[in-house]
Each structure stands twice: as C-alpha cells, then as structure tokens.
C-alpha cells in the first residue's frame, strides 16, 4: 500500500512540475516571438496573380505593382527603397503623362476627327505594331501551366521582319489532382495603363466599324477578345469575342471583323443575354487558343488596328429579345 502511494505521489509531483510556468529572460522571449512572427509570415501565402484569372485580394499599398506576375515578388517594399526610387518613378510617370497630353485631341490632329466620328471610307488606325522590343512591353502571355492547371506553354517574341510570333505547345492533358476538369489554353493580352497607373481605354475605336488584323497562321482557329471589365467584381470577366480562322501556309491574310459580330462572354463563356460591345469600355485586347487540339502552334502578327467601312450598316448581328418581367434579368 505504501509502495503504491509513493508511486502516486511521485507521478503527481512530476505533473505539477510540468504545469509550473518556467521563467524566461525578457530578451530571450523577444527573440522567440520574433522567430515565431517570421515563421508565421513565411507560411502566409501571397496573393496570386494571373493574366486572366481572378484579381488578387491583396490590399492597396504604396508598394510597386507586380505587372508581369513575376514569381517570388514581394510587394512589401521598405520605405527606404521607396524614398530612393520614388523620384525616378515620378519622373518617368510625368514624362508619360506629358506624352499622353500631347497626343490628346486637337483641331489640327487626326484624333479630333476620330473623336467626333468624321471618318472617311477606308480610314484605318494601326493600334499595335511590332517594330522594336519596347512594343512588347504592353503584352503579357498566359497559359494553363502558369496556374498549375495544365501543361501548355507559350511565348510572344519579336522577329527580324518587324513582326511578332505567338507560339508554343498546346496540351489538353489534365493534371491528376482531382480538381481540374479541362486543360489546354494559351493566350496573349495587352496590359497597358496611362500615367500613374490609370486604366487606359481604347476610346478612339468607338467610331470605327471593323477590327483589322494582318496575320499568318497555322490553320488553327484562335479567338479574339475585347475585355471590358467594370468597377464591381461581377463585371470583371466581361468581354466580347469572335473567332479568328487562320488559313495556314506561307501567305499573309488580312482579317476584317465587324464590331457588330462580337458576342458577349464572361470569362470566355458565351452568355444567353447578348449585347453589343461598347467600345468606350474596352481596356485590353487578347488572342486566345483553346481549340482542344494537342500540338505546337504558331501565329505571326504584322499589325492590329481598326478600320472604317461606310457600307457596313449592321448594328448587332445576333438576336436580341426582351426578357419577361418576372425574370431576374428582366427588371
């Protein structure tokens, strides 16, 4: 009996000693807290960035934006770096703003005619050319492998003939993660802003009737998209699309696509309720390949622009109808 009691008291004593808080020096506790904060900060995932995906949920800050989605980019820039690099950034943005004001409309320039809609038959405006490396600064590439949701690859490079080539390899194989249902897409998209990161709209397109593209393809069917995201999250995926059928072979083709033929899509999905594209809201342009055919692709582009055809009187090519009042979209 006494032996059992001694074992019991010994066990209780060890448990009590474990529960007694240990005294840690003040400096040591600060070091431990600092290490814990660093470990916790390392485990917190950064807001992801993608060309066509959801917008990052990171709050607005004074940090530099990650324009091209560079991996390992830390937006938390120290104040010291902001002070050192701030004057140069402001100088560059001011020069960009001066150039922007200089290209604004005036009576002596063609931009005034574009703004008021006084265009002649055949007037053409070249928006995107590829004559120097800086012309590719506003273009970004994206594919399913960037999100870890596929194995496709793509690139957009300049050639010696003052053209640009959108090429890569399309793979429709699905990753074995139990989440991805479809794969196999690649795209290029403009990422252009005005001075001080203000959104740039393609307002000069509003009085033209056709989109014009000079390209040389591989026989595949691509998709041209005009992106018009709004201010609220429900409109971030708004876009207008139309197929671009390439002929293949060594010859160039000039495609004229009426703006009245573009159909309304949301994140690439065709909508039941269609509407005409309002060009004043278009802020970016993209070309997408997702034809479900495995293999390499190659699309060479000479220029992208808009043209005016006075003989084209069509307002909207697709059937439009009024929804019932009791429908959620009928109000």
Protein backbone atom coordinates (compact mmCIF):
# COMPACT_ATOMS: atom_id res chain seq x y z
CA UNK A 1 0.00 0.00 0.00
CA UNK A 2 2.78 2.41 0.94
CA UNK A 3 4.65 1.48 -2.26
CA UNK A 4 1.63 2.34 -4.41
CA UNK A 5 1.14 5.63 -2.57
CA UNK A 6 4.75 6.62 -3.15
CA UNK A 7 4.42 5.96 -6.91
CA UNK A 8 1.20 8.02 -6.97
CA UNK A 9 2.72 10.99 -5.14
CA UNK A 10 5.78 10.85 -7.40
CA UNK A 11 3.59 10.96 -10.55
CA UNK A 12 1.53 13.88 -9.23
CA UNK A 13 4.70 15.75 -8.37
CA UNK A 14 6.10 15.37 -11.90
CA UNK A 15 2.79 16.53 -13.45
CA UNK A 16 2.68 19.56 -11.18
CA UNK A 17 6.23 20.47 -12.09
CA UNK A 18 5.36 20.32 -15.79
CA UNK A 19 2.47 22.75 -15.31
CA UNK A 20 4.59 25.29 -13.43
CA UNK A 21 5.41 28.17 -15.82
CA UNK A 22 9.10 28.50 -16.47
CA UNK A 23 10.76 31.87 -16.10
CA UNK A 24 12.27 33.04 -19.40
CA UNK A 25 14.52 36.10 -19.66
CA UNK A 26 12.96 39.12 -21.34
CA UNK A 27 15.45 39.24 -24.21
CA UNK A 28 15.01 35.53 -24.87
CA UNK A 29 11.22 35.87 -25.05
CA UNK A 30 11.54 38.70 -27.59
CA UNK A 31 13.77 36.53 -29.77
CA UNK A 32 11.29 33.66 -29.61
CA UNK A 33 8.39 35.96 -30.55
CA UNK A 34 10.39 37.38 -33.44
CA UNK A 35 11.19 33.90 -34.75
CA UNK A 36 7.53 32.91 -34.46
CA UNK A 37 6.45 36.00 -36.39
CA UNK A 38 8.94 35.26 -39.17
CA UNK A 39 7.81 31.64 -39.38
CA UNK A 40 4.16 32.68 -39.49
CA UNK A 41 4.87 35.32 -42.14
CA UNK A 42 6.68 32.76 -44.27
CA UNK A 43 3.73 30.38 -44.08
CA UNK A 44 1.17 33.00 -45.13
CA UNK A 45 0.63 32.66 -48.87
CA UNK A 46 0.95 35.72 -51.04
CA UNK A 47 -1.93 36.84 -53.24
CA UNK A 48 -1.64 35.01 -56.57
CA UNK A 49 -1.53 36.86 -59.88
CA UNK A 50 -2.66 35.62 -63.28
CA UNK A 51 -3.29 37.07 -66.64
CA UNK A 52 -6.92 36.01 -67.00
CA UNK A 53 -7.84 34.77 -63.51
CA UNK A 54 -9.44 36.44 -60.53
CA UNK A 55 -7.88 39.66 -59.34
CA UNK A 56 -5.58 39.38 -56.33
CA UNK A 57 -7.16 40.08 -52.97
CA UNK A 58 -4.13 41.95 -51.64
CA UNK A 59 -4.98 45.39 -50.20
CA UNK A 60 -3.80 48.55 -51.91
CA UNK A 61 -0.48 49.82 -50.61
CA UNK A 62 2.43 52.09 -51.52
CA UNK A 63 4.37 49.14 -52.90
CA UNK A 64 5.36 48.65 -56.52
CA UNK A 65 2.81 46.68 -58.59
CA UNK A 66 3.73 43.29 -59.99
CA UNK A 67 2.89 43.99 -63.63
CA UNK A 68 4.11 40.78 -65.20
CA UNK A 69 3.34 38.28 -62.42
CA UNK A 70 6.96 37.62 -61.53
CA UNK A 71 7.40 34.67 -59.19
CA UNK A 72 8.85 35.41 -55.77
CA UNK A 73 7.85 39.06 -56.00
CA UNK A 74 7.39 40.66 -52.57
CA UNK A 75 5.13 43.73 -52.70
CA UNK A 76 6.19 44.86 -49.21
CA UNK A 77 8.90 47.27 -50.30
CA UNK A 78 10.83 49.01 -47.49
CA UNK A 79 10.29 52.75 -47.08
CA UNK A 80 14.00 53.30 -47.77
CA UNK A 81 13.64 51.84 -51.26
CA UNK A 82 10.56 53.95 -51.90
CA UNK A 83 12.44 57.11 -50.95
CA UNK A 84 15.41 56.20 -53.17
CA UNK A 85 13.43 55.05 -56.21
CA UNK A 86 10.44 57.37 -55.84
CA UNK A 87 11.87 60.41 -57.69
CA UNK A 88 12.83 58.33 -60.73
CA UNK A 89 9.39 56.71 -60.85
CA UNK A 90 7.65 60.08 -60.57
CA UNK A 91 9.87 61.49 -63.33
CA UNK A 92 9.05 58.58 -65.65
CA UNK A 93 5.32 58.88 -64.94
CA UNK A 94 5.38 62.64 -65.52
CA UNK A 95 7.08 62.19 -68.90
CA UNK A 96 4.48 59.56 -69.72
CA UNK A 97 1.73 61.99 -68.71
CA UNK A 98 3.20 64.78 -70.87
CA UNK A 99 3.29 62.40 -73.84
CA UNK A 100 -0.31 61.41 -73.08
CA UNK A 101 -1.46 65.05 -73.04
CA UNK A 102 0.46 65.76 -76.23
CA UNK A 103 -1.42 63.01 -78.04
CA UNK A 104 -4.82 64.24 -76.86
CA UNK A 105 -7.35 65.60 -79.32
CA UNK A 106 -6.95 68.96 -81.01
CA UNK A 107 -8.45 70.50 -84.12
CA UNK A 108 -5.17 70.19 -86.00
CA UNK A 109 -4.79 66.45 -85.42
CA UNK A 110 -6.46 63.33 -86.77
CA UNK A 111 -7.50 62.35 -83.23
CA UNK A 112 -10.14 65.09 -83.29
CA UNK A 113 -11.70 63.52 -86.38
CA UNK A 114 -11.71 60.14 -84.64
CA UNK A 115 -13.38 61.54 -81.54
CA UNK A 116 -16.22 63.31 -83.34
CA UNK A 117 -16.75 60.41 -85.76
CA UNK A 118 -15.96 62.23 -89.01
CA UNK A 119 -14.25 59.31 -90.73
CA UNK A 120 -13.94 58.60 -94.41
CA UNK A 121 -14.48 55.24 -96.01
CA UNK A 122 -11.32 53.18 -95.63
CA UNK A 123 -9.74 55.22 -92.83
CA UNK A 124 -7.51 52.88 -90.83
CA UNK A 125 -5.79 53.27 -87.48
CA UNK A 126 -2.90 50.93 -86.60
CA UNK A 127 -3.00 50.37 -82.85
CA UNK A 128 -0.36 47.68 -82.30
CA UNK A 129 2.85 47.16 -84.28
CA UNK A 130 5.94 45.13 -83.56
CA UNK A 131 8.98 47.01 -84.83
CA UNK A 132 11.07 47.21 -81.64
CA UNK A 133 11.41 45.42 -78.32
CA UNK A 134 9.57 48.15 -76.43
CA UNK A 135 6.44 47.33 -78.45
CA UNK A 136 6.19 44.07 -76.49
CA UNK A 137 6.26 45.78 -73.09
CA UNK A 138 2.48 46.12 -73.01
CA UNK A 139 1.89 42.45 -73.91
CA UNK A 140 1.68 39.57 -71.48
CA UNK A 141 1.36 35.82 -72.01
CA UNK A 142 -0.62 33.26 -70.06
CA UNK A 143 -1.44 29.56 -70.23
CA UNK A 144 -2.82 26.80 -68.01
CA UNK A 145 0.61 25.78 -66.75
CA UNK A 146 1.03 29.24 -65.17
CA UNK A 147 -1.76 28.30 -62.78
CA UNK A 148 -0.59 24.75 -62.27
CA UNK A 149 -3.71 23.56 -64.09
CA UNK A 150 -2.16 22.11 -67.23
CA UNK A 151 0.99 21.56 -69.24
CA UNK A 152 0.69 24.05 -72.13
CA UNK A 153 3.46 26.53 -72.90
CA UNK A 154 3.53 29.74 -74.93
CA UNK A 155 5.69 32.74 -75.82
CA UNK A 156 5.38 36.01 -77.70
CA UNK A 157 8.59 37.16 -79.38
CA UNK A 158 9.78 39.71 -81.90
CA UNK A 159 11.14 38.64 -85.30
CA UNK A 160 13.68 40.19 -87.67
CA UNK A 161 10.85 41.08 -90.09
CA UNK A 162 9.18 43.60 -87.74
CA UNK A 163 6.52 41.11 -86.73
CA UNK A 164 5.73 39.16 -83.57
CA UNK A 165 5.16 35.42 -83.23
CA UNK A 166 2.74 33.88 -80.75
CA UNK A 167 3.89 30.26 -80.46
CA UNK A 168 4.03 27.36 -78.07
CA UNK A 169 2.67 23.90 -77.44
CA UNK A 170 -0.93 23.13 -76.51
CA UNK A 171 -1.51 20.17 -74.19
CA UNK A 172 -5.02 19.05 -73.24
CA UNK A 173 -3.77 16.51 -70.70
CA UNK A 174 -5.42 17.05 -67.31
CA UNK A 175 -3.32 17.09 -64.12
CA UNK A 176 -4.11 14.23 -61.77
CA UNK A 177 -5.19 16.35 -58.83
CA UNK A 178 -8.90 15.58 -58.86
CA UNK A 179 -9.79 19.27 -59.32
CA UNK A 180 -9.00 20.33 -62.89
CA UNK A 181 -11.66 19.22 -65.40
CA UNK A 182 -10.37 20.87 -68.59
CA UNK A 183 -6.96 21.99 -69.77
CA UNK A 184 -5.31 23.27 -72.90
CA UNK A 185 -5.29 27.03 -73.46
CA UNK A 186 -2.76 29.76 -74.19
CA UNK A 187 -3.14 33.48 -74.76
CA UNK A 188 -1.58 36.90 -75.21
CA UNK A 189 -3.12 40.05 -73.76
CA UNK A 190 -2.34 43.76 -73.60
CA UNK A 191 -1.54 45.18 -70.16
CA UNK A 192 -1.46 48.91 -70.87
CA UNK A 193 -2.02 51.78 -68.45
CA UNK A 194 -1.86 55.54 -68.59
CA UNK A 195 0.40 57.66 -66.40
CA UNK A 196 0.26 56.97 -62.66
CA UNK A 197 -1.30 53.54 -63.28
CA UNK A 198 -4.60 54.91 -64.57
CA UNK A 199 -6.58 52.48 -66.69
CA UNK A 200 -6.31 53.09 -70.42
CA UNK A 201 -9.42 52.72 -72.57
CA UNK A 202 -9.47 52.22 -76.33
CA UNK A 203 -11.89 55.12 -76.81
CA UNK A 204 -10.53 56.01 -80.26
CA UNK A 205 -12.01 52.76 -81.58
CA UNK A 206 -15.60 53.81 -80.89
CA UNK A 207 -16.29 55.39 -84.31
CA UNK A 208 -14.63 52.65 -86.39
CA UNK A 209 -16.64 49.75 -87.75
CA UNK A 210 -14.14 46.87 -88.07
CA UNK A 211 -11.21 45.31 -86.28
CA UNK A 212 -8.38 44.54 -88.71
CA UNK A 213 -5.57 42.02 -88.18
CA UNK A 214 -2.79 41.09 -90.58
CA UNK A 215 -1.53 37.67 -89.59
CA UNK A 216 -0.07 34.43 -90.88
CA UNK A 217 -1.25 31.33 -89.04
CA UNK A 218 -1.02 27.58 -88.99
CA UNK A 219 -4.60 26.66 -89.87
CA UNK A 220 -5.84 26.69 -86.28
CA UNK A 221 -8.85 28.66 -85.05
CA UNK A 222 -8.00 31.31 -82.48
CA UNK A 223 -10.29 33.64 -80.57
CA UNK A 224 -10.08 37.43 -80.47
CA UNK A 225 -11.31 39.03 -77.25
CA UNK A 226 -12.09 42.62 -76.26
CA UNK A 227 -12.02 42.95 -72.48
CA UNK A 228 -14.33 45.49 -70.82
CA UNK A 229 -14.24 44.91 -67.04
CA UNK A 230 -16.33 47.23 -64.89
CA UNK A 231 -15.86 48.62 -61.41
CA UNK A 232 -17.62 45.88 -59.42
CA UNK A 233 -16.43 42.28 -59.21
CA UNK A 234 -19.48 40.95 -61.09
CA UNK A 235 -18.24 42.66 -64.26
CA UNK A 236 -14.53 41.83 -64.04
CA UNK A 237 -14.93 38.98 -66.52
CA UNK A 238 -16.95 40.89 -69.13
CA UNK A 239 -15.52 40.51 -72.61
CA UNK A 240 -16.59 40.26 -76.25
CA UNK A 241 -15.26 37.53 -78.52
CA UNK A 242 -15.10 36.41 -82.12
CA UNK A 243 -13.20 33.54 -83.80
CA UNK A 244 -10.09 34.13 -85.89
CA UNK A 245 -9.76 31.37 -88.50
CA UNK A 246 -6.26 31.16 -89.96
CA UNK A 247 -5.57 29.71 -93.41
CA UNK A 248 -2.18 28.17 -92.84
CA UNK A 249 0.64 28.23 -95.34
CA UNK A 250 3.16 30.95 -96.16
CA UNK A 251 0.71 33.65 -97.26
CA UNK A 252 -0.49 36.59 -95.18
CA UNK A 253 -4.16 37.17 -94.55
CA UNK A 254 -5.94 40.38 -93.56
CA UNK A 255 -8.99 39.72 -91.40
CA UNK A 256 -11.68 42.40 -91.09
CA UNK A 257 -14.05 41.60 -88.23
CA UNK A 258 -17.10 43.87 -87.75
CA UNK A 259 -17.57 45.01 -84.18
CA UNK A 260 -21.25 44.17 -84.59
CA UNK A 261 -20.31 40.47 -84.78
CA UNK A 262 -18.59 40.27 -81.38
CA UNK A 263 -20.69 38.30 -78.89
CA UNK A 264 -20.81 38.82 -75.14
CA UNK A 265 -18.80 36.42 -72.97
CA UNK A 266 -17.91 36.26 -69.28
CA UNK A 267 -14.52 34.66 -68.58
CA UNK A 268 -14.75 33.14 -72.06
CA UNK A 269 -18.24 31.64 -71.62
CA UNK A 270 -20.95 32.72 -74.08
CA UNK A 271 -23.92 34.37 -72.36
CA UNK A 272 -27.62 33.82 -73.10
CA UNK A 273 -28.43 37.53 -72.90
CA UNK A 274 -26.37 39.13 -75.66
CA UNK A 275 -25.48 42.79 -76.11
CA UNK A 276 -23.35 44.86 -78.46
CA UNK A 277 -19.83 45.79 -77.46
CA UNK A 278 -19.49 49.34 -76.16
CA UNK A 279 -16.00 50.24 -77.35
CA UNK A 280 -15.57 53.10 -74.88
CA UNK A 281 -15.40 50.48 -72.10
CA UNK A 282 -12.78 48.26 -73.78
CA UNK A 283 -9.47 48.45 -71.93
CA UNK A 284 -7.47 45.50 -73.30
CA UNK A 285 -7.18 43.15 -76.27
CA UNK A 286 -6.24 39.47 -76.35
CA UNK A 287 -5.88 36.47 -78.64
CA UNK A 288 -6.61 33.03 -77.17
CA UNK A 289 -6.06 29.49 -78.44
CA UNK A 290 -8.16 26.70 -76.95
CA UNK A 291 -9.23 24.52 -79.88
CA UNK A 292 -8.73 21.22 -77.99
CA UNK A 293 -6.01 20.05 -80.42
CA UNK A 294 -2.70 18.90 -78.94
CA UNK A 295 0.50 20.04 -80.58
CA UNK A 296 2.59 23.10 -81.46
CA UNK A 297 1.00 26.30 -82.72
CA UNK A 298 2.35 29.39 -84.45
CA UNK A 299 0.64 32.70 -85.19
CA UNK A 300 2.67 35.53 -86.73
CA UNK A 301 1.17 39.02 -86.44
CA UNK A 302 2.13 42.05 -88.52
CA UNK A 303 -0.24 44.65 -87.07
CA UNK A 304 -3.56 45.05 -85.24
CA UNK A 305 -5.82 48.02 -85.79
CA UNK A 306 -9.26 49.31 -86.71
CA UNK A 307 -10.78 50.46 -89.99
CA UNK A 308 -13.97 52.21 -91.08
CA UNK A 309 -16.34 50.82 -93.71
CA UNK A 310 -19.26 53.14 -94.54
CA UNK A 311 -21.09 50.35 -96.36
CA UNK A 312 -21.42 48.37 -93.13
CA UNK A 313 -24.74 49.38 -91.57
CA UNK A 314 -25.28 46.43 -89.24
CA UNK A 315 -25.69 47.41 -85.57
CA UNK A 316 -25.78 43.97 -83.95
CA UNK A 317 -25.67 40.60 -85.69
CA UNK A 318 -27.39 38.46 -83.08
CA UNK A 319 -30.96 38.05 -81.96
CA UNK A 320 -31.96 40.30 -79.10
CA UNK A 321 -35.21 39.98 -77.19
CA UNK A 322 -36.84 41.32 -74.05
CA UNK A 323 -36.83 39.00 -71.06
CA UNK A 324 -40.05 38.51 -69.05
CA UNK A 325 -40.58 40.91 -66.18
CA UNK A 326 -40.55 38.11 -63.61
CA UNK A 327 -37.10 37.02 -64.79
CA UNK A 328 -34.21 38.11 -62.59
CA UNK A 329 -32.64 39.91 -65.56
CA UNK A 330 -35.89 41.46 -66.75
CA UNK A 331 -36.00 44.33 -64.27
